[in-house]
Amino acid sequence: MMKRIILASLIALTTAGAVSAASAPTNLSSAAKAEAQNILPAASFDNLTADQAARIEGVLTGGKDLQAYEVKLIISKALAS
């Protein structure tokens, strides 16, 4: 019984740490932020989560042949999530 309580506590602590790390504010690289602001000038790129920053960096540096409207749509979706 005690082992289960300890194990459950460790799992809960690990999960809580992962959730807070994923939602911690992250900044884009200065080049990515400048490019993203050029694409969506009215959008705010401050206080992004790690997931948002990774998605935006990925679309800007991914090397895919995306159309401008596709990049704009992906960045908008990342900001909305």
Protein backbone atom coordinates (compact mmCIF):
# COMPACT_ATOMS: atom_id res chain seq x y z
CA MET A 1 0.00 0.00 0.00
CA MET A 2 2.77 2.45 0.92
CA LYS A 3 4.64 1.65 -2.30
CA ARG A 4 1.56 2.56 -4.34
CA ILE A 5 1.18 5.88 -2.56
CA ILE A 6 4.83 6.73 -3.13
CA LEU A 7 4.65 5.65 -6.77
CA ALA A 8 1.48 7.68 -7.35
CA SER A 9 3.10 10.72 -5.74
CA LEU A 10 6.17 10.43 -7.96
CA ILE A 11 4.04 10.11 -11.07
CA ALA A 12 1.98 13.14 -10.06
CA LEU A 13 5.09 15.24 -9.45
CA THR A 14 6.65 14.22 -12.75
CA THR A 15 3.47 14.99 -14.67
CA ALA A 16 3.04 18.38 -13.00
CA GLY A 17 6.62 19.31 -13.88
CA ALA A 18 6.12 18.36 -17.52
CA VAL A 19 2.91 20.36 -17.77
CA SER A 20 4.46 23.48 -16.27
CA ALA A 21 7.47 23.18 -18.57
CA ALA A 22 5.23 22.90 -21.62
CA SER A 23 3.27 26.01 -20.67
CA ALA A 24 6.26 28.12 -19.58
CA PRO A 25 6.71 31.26 -21.70
CA THR A 26 9.26 30.89 -24.48
CA ASN A 27 10.66 33.33 -26.98
CA LEU A 28 11.29 32.84 -30.66
CA SER A 29 14.75 33.44 -32.05
CA SER A 30 15.15 37.05 -33.12
CA ALA A 31 15.24 36.08 -36.82
CA ALA A 32 12.08 33.95 -36.54
CA LYS A 33 10.27 36.65 -34.55
CA ALA A 34 11.15 39.31 -37.15
CA GLU A 35 9.96 37.07 -39.98
CA ALA A 36 6.77 36.11 -38.13
CA GLN A 37 6.01 39.76 -37.38
CA ASN A 38 6.54 40.54 -41.04
CA ILE A 39 3.97 37.86 -41.94
CA LEU A 40 1.46 38.77 -39.19
CA PRO A 41 2.26 42.36 -38.13
CA ALA A 42 -0.70 42.72 -35.76
CA ALA A 43 0.05 39.50 -33.83
CA SER A 44 1.92 39.34 -30.53
CA PHE A 45 4.80 36.91 -30.36
CA ASP A 46 5.56 37.51 -26.69
CA ASN A 47 4.95 34.94 -23.94
CA LEU A 48 4.57 31.96 -26.28
CA THR A 49 4.42 28.46 -24.88
CA ALA A 50 7.22 26.11 -25.86
CA ASP A 51 4.82 24.31 -28.21
CA GLN A 52 3.76 27.53 -29.94
CA ALA A 53 7.35 28.70 -30.36
CA ALA A 54 8.42 25.31 -31.74
CA ARG A 55 5.57 25.23 -34.24
CA ILE A 56 6.28 28.76 -35.46
CA GLU A 57 10.04 28.17 -35.66
CA GLY A 58 9.35 24.91 -37.47
CA VAL A 59 7.21 26.44 -40.17
CA LEU A 60 9.65 29.31 -40.70
CA THR A 61 12.79 27.15 -40.81
CA GLY A 62 11.35 23.82 -41.96
CA GLY A 63 12.49 24.14 -45.54
CA LYS A 64 9.09 23.15 -46.91
CA ASP A 65 7.83 24.79 -50.05
CA LEU A 66 4.76 26.37 -48.50
CA GLN A 67 2.76 29.18 -50.00
CA ALA A 68 2.66 32.46 -48.06
CA TYR A 69 -0.98 31.96 -47.10
CA GLU A 70 -0.16 28.48 -45.75
CA VAL A 71 2.62 29.85 -43.53
CA LYS A 72 0.28 32.61 -42.32
CA LEU A 73 -2.42 30.04 -41.53
CA ILE A 74 -0.03 27.75 -39.63
CA ILE A 75 1.33 30.64 -37.55
CA SER A 76 -2.20 31.88 -36.82
CA LYS A 77 -3.24 28.40 -35.66
CA ALA A 78 -0.14 28.12 -33.46
CA LEU A 79 -0.94 31.44 -31.80
CA ALA A 80 -4.55 30.42 -31.24
CA SER A 81 -3.65 27.17 -29.48
